[in-house]
N, C-alpha and C. Protein backbone atom coordinates (compact mmCIF):
# COMPACT_ATOMS: atom_id res chain seq x y z
N UNK A 1 14.15 -17.93 -3.03
CA UNK A 1 12.88 -18.13 -2.36
C UNK A 1 12.28 -16.77 -2.00
N UNK A 2 11.01 -16.52 -2.33
CA UNK A 2 10.40 -15.22 -2.03
C UNK A 2 10.28 -14.99 -0.52
N UNK A 3 10.36 -13.73 -0.15
CA UNK A 3 10.22 -13.38 1.27
C UNK A 3 8.74 -13.37 1.66
N UNK A 4 8.50 -13.67 2.93
CA UNK A 4 7.16 -13.55 3.48
C UNK A 4 6.88 -12.06 3.73
N UNK A 5 5.61 -11.73 3.97
CA UNK A 5 5.27 -10.35 4.32
C UNK A 5 6.04 -9.91 5.55
N UNK A 6 6.10 -10.78 6.56
CA UNK A 6 6.81 -10.46 7.80
C UNK A 6 8.28 -10.15 7.54
N UNK A 7 8.91 -10.95 6.69
CA UNK A 7 10.33 -10.73 6.37
C UNK A 7 10.53 -9.41 5.63
N UNK A 8 9.63 -9.09 4.70
CA UNK A 8 9.74 -7.82 3.98
C UNK A 8 9.54 -6.63 4.92
N UNK A 9 8.58 -6.75 5.84
CA UNK A 9 8.35 -5.68 6.81
C UNK A 9 9.58 -5.51 7.70
N UNK A 10 10.13 -6.61 8.21
CA UNK A 10 11.32 -6.55 9.08
C UNK A 10 12.49 -5.92 8.34
N UNK A 11 12.72 -6.31 7.09
CA UNK A 11 13.82 -5.74 6.31
C UNK A 11 13.63 -4.24 6.11
N UNK A 12 12.39 -3.83 5.85
CA UNK A 12 12.09 -2.41 5.67
C UNK A 12 12.40 -1.64 6.95
N UNK A 13 11.96 -2.16 8.09
CA UNK A 13 12.21 -1.50 9.37
C UNK A 13 13.70 -1.44 9.68
N UNK A 14 14.42 -2.52 9.39
CA UNK A 14 15.87 -2.55 9.66
C UNK A 14 16.63 -1.51 8.85
N UNK A 15 16.08 -1.13 7.70
CA UNK A 15 16.78 -0.22 6.80
C UNK A 15 16.22 1.20 6.81
N UNK A 16 15.49 1.56 7.86
CA UNK A 16 14.91 2.90 7.96
C UNK A 16 15.97 4.00 8.03
N UNK A 17 17.06 3.73 8.71
CA UNK A 17 18.12 4.73 8.88
C UNK A 17 19.23 4.44 7.89
N UNK A 18 19.31 5.23 6.86
CA UNK A 18 20.29 5.02 5.80
C UNK A 18 21.71 4.84 6.36
N UNK A 19 22.33 3.73 5.99
CA UNK A 19 23.70 3.47 6.43
C UNK A 19 23.82 2.82 7.80
N UNK A 20 22.70 2.60 8.47
CA UNK A 20 22.71 2.00 9.81
C UNK A 20 21.64 0.92 9.89
N UNK A 21 21.97 -0.21 10.48
CA UNK A 21 20.98 -1.26 10.66
C UNK A 21 20.21 -1.01 11.96
N UNK A 22 18.89 -0.96 11.86
CA UNK A 22 18.03 -0.72 13.01
C UNK A 22 17.68 -2.05 13.65
N UNK A 23 17.82 -2.16 14.97
CA UNK A 23 17.47 -3.38 15.67
C UNK A 23 16.32 -3.20 16.64
N UNK A 24 16.14 -1.96 17.10
CA UNK A 24 15.10 -1.67 18.09
C UNK A 24 14.51 -0.30 17.75
N UNK A 25 13.21 -0.17 17.95
CA UNK A 25 12.53 1.09 17.64
C UNK A 25 11.82 1.57 18.91
N UNK A 26 11.96 2.87 19.18
CA UNK A 26 11.33 3.48 20.35
C UNK A 26 10.15 4.32 19.91
N UNK A 27 9.10 4.30 20.70
CA UNK A 27 7.94 5.15 20.46
C UNK A 27 7.99 6.33 21.41
N UNK A 28 7.73 7.50 20.87
CA UNK A 28 7.75 8.71 21.68
C UNK A 28 6.33 9.11 22.06
N UNK A 29 6.20 9.62 23.25
CA UNK A 29 4.92 10.15 23.71
C UNK A 29 4.55 11.34 22.82
N UNK A 30 3.29 11.44 22.44
CA UNK A 30 2.84 12.57 21.63
C UNK A 30 3.18 13.87 22.36
N UNK A 31 3.79 14.79 21.67
CA UNK A 31 4.16 16.07 22.25
C UNK A 31 5.51 16.06 22.96
N UNK A 32 6.18 14.92 23.03
CA UNK A 32 7.49 14.85 23.69
C UNK A 32 8.50 15.70 22.92
N UNK A 33 9.36 16.35 23.65
CA UNK A 33 10.39 17.19 23.03
C UNK A 33 11.76 16.55 23.19
N UNK A 34 12.69 16.99 22.39
CA UNK A 34 14.07 16.48 22.47
C UNK A 34 14.67 16.77 23.84
N UNK A 35 14.26 17.87 24.47
CA UNK A 35 14.79 18.23 25.79
C UNK A 35 14.40 17.21 26.87
N UNK A 36 13.32 16.47 26.64
CA UNK A 36 12.87 15.47 27.62
C UNK A 36 13.70 14.20 27.57
N UNK A 37 14.42 13.99 26.49
CA UNK A 37 15.27 12.82 26.38
C UNK A 37 14.51 11.53 26.57
N UNK A 38 15.08 10.63 27.35
CA UNK A 38 14.51 9.29 27.54
C UNK A 38 13.12 9.33 28.18
N UNK A 39 12.81 10.37 28.95
CA UNK A 39 11.50 10.45 29.59
C UNK A 39 10.36 10.54 28.57
N UNK A 40 10.67 10.96 27.34
CA UNK A 40 9.65 11.07 26.31
C UNK A 40 9.31 9.74 25.66
N UNK A 41 10.12 8.70 25.92
CA UNK A 41 9.87 7.37 25.34
C UNK A 41 8.77 6.67 26.13
N UNK A 42 7.81 6.06 25.40
CA UNK A 42 6.75 5.34 26.11
C UNK A 42 6.73 3.85 25.80
N UNK A 43 7.48 3.42 24.79
CA UNK A 43 7.58 1.98 24.48
C UNK A 43 8.80 1.75 23.62
N UNK A 44 9.25 0.52 23.56
CA UNK A 44 10.33 0.12 22.67
C UNK A 44 10.10 -1.33 22.30
N UNK A 45 10.50 -1.69 21.08
CA UNK A 45 10.32 -3.08 20.64
C UNK A 45 11.37 -3.42 19.59
N UNK A 46 11.71 -4.70 19.52
CA UNK A 46 12.62 -5.18 18.51
C UNK A 46 11.94 -5.16 17.15
N UNK A 47 12.73 -4.92 16.11
CA UNK A 47 12.22 -4.86 14.74
C UNK A 47 11.44 -6.13 14.39
N UNK A 48 11.95 -7.30 14.75
CA UNK A 48 11.27 -8.55 14.40
C UNK A 48 9.91 -8.67 15.09
N UNK A 49 9.80 -8.17 16.32
CA UNK A 49 8.51 -8.21 17.02
C UNK A 49 7.50 -7.27 16.36
N UNK A 50 7.95 -6.09 15.96
CA UNK A 50 7.06 -5.15 15.27
C UNK A 50 6.61 -5.74 13.94
N UNK A 51 7.53 -6.36 13.21
CA UNK A 51 7.19 -6.98 11.92
C UNK A 51 6.16 -8.09 12.10
N UNK A 52 6.33 -8.91 13.12
CA UNK A 52 5.37 -9.98 13.41
C UNK A 52 3.99 -9.40 13.66
N UNK A 53 3.92 -8.35 14.46
CA UNK A 53 2.65 -7.71 14.78
C UNK A 53 1.99 -7.13 13.53
N UNK A 54 2.73 -6.38 12.74
CA UNK A 54 2.16 -5.75 11.54
C UNK A 54 1.67 -6.81 10.55
N UNK A 55 2.49 -7.83 10.31
CA UNK A 55 2.09 -8.88 9.37
C UNK A 55 0.82 -9.59 9.83
N UNK A 56 0.71 -9.86 11.13
CA UNK A 56 -0.46 -10.54 11.67
C UNK A 56 -1.71 -9.67 11.55
N UNK A 57 -1.57 -8.37 11.82
CA UNK A 57 -2.71 -7.45 11.69
C UNK A 57 -3.16 -7.40 10.23
N UNK A 58 -2.21 -7.26 9.30
CA UNK A 58 -2.56 -7.19 7.89
C UNK A 58 -3.21 -8.48 7.39
N UNK A 59 -2.85 -9.61 8.01
CA UNK A 59 -3.41 -10.89 7.63
C UNK A 59 -4.76 -11.15 8.31
N UNK A 60 -5.22 -10.20 9.13
CA UNK A 60 -6.52 -10.34 9.79
C UNK A 60 -6.54 -11.37 10.90
N UNK A 61 -5.42 -11.52 11.59
CA UNK A 61 -5.32 -12.55 12.63
C UNK A 61 -5.76 -12.08 14.00
N UNK A 62 -6.45 -10.96 14.08
CA UNK A 62 -6.95 -10.49 15.36
C UNK A 62 -6.61 -9.03 15.60
N UNK A 63 -6.99 -8.55 16.77
CA UNK A 63 -6.68 -7.17 17.15
C UNK A 63 -5.22 -7.09 17.57
N UNK A 64 -4.73 -5.88 17.66
CA UNK A 64 -3.36 -5.68 18.11
C UNK A 64 -3.15 -6.34 19.48
N UNK A 65 -4.09 -6.11 20.37
CA UNK A 65 -3.96 -6.67 21.73
C UNK A 65 -3.94 -8.20 21.70
N UNK A 66 -4.82 -8.82 20.91
CA UNK A 66 -4.86 -10.28 20.82
C UNK A 66 -3.56 -10.84 20.25
N UNK A 67 -3.07 -10.21 19.22
CA UNK A 67 -1.84 -10.67 18.58
C UNK A 67 -0.65 -10.52 19.53
N UNK A 68 -0.59 -9.39 20.22
CA UNK A 68 0.52 -9.18 21.16
C UNK A 68 0.50 -10.23 22.26
N UNK A 69 -0.69 -10.56 22.76
CA UNK A 69 -0.81 -11.59 23.79
C UNK A 69 -0.37 -12.95 23.24
N UNK A 70 -0.88 -13.30 22.06
CA UNK A 70 -0.58 -14.60 21.45
C UNK A 70 0.91 -14.78 21.19
N UNK A 71 1.56 -13.72 20.74
CA UNK A 71 2.99 -13.80 20.41
C UNK A 71 3.88 -13.36 21.56
N UNK A 72 3.25 -13.01 22.69
CA UNK A 72 3.97 -12.54 23.89
C UNK A 72 4.87 -11.35 23.57
N UNK A 73 4.27 -10.37 22.90
CA UNK A 73 5.00 -9.15 22.53
C UNK A 73 4.80 -8.07 23.58
């Protein structure tokens, strides 16, 4: 059975780190340095939630904010 766009996106995100399965992705503040450690992180999300958001945006299902609200992301 063919994968949905969301499933393909999630699989791609899970396999970003060669040899390691990714489950959660952190966003860094622009200009954050390694010395700042955790303080440089401004958001984190599960791979499946990010995939849901990207697939919905690509499908034209609303703005990022609308989709996040609808899916409770």
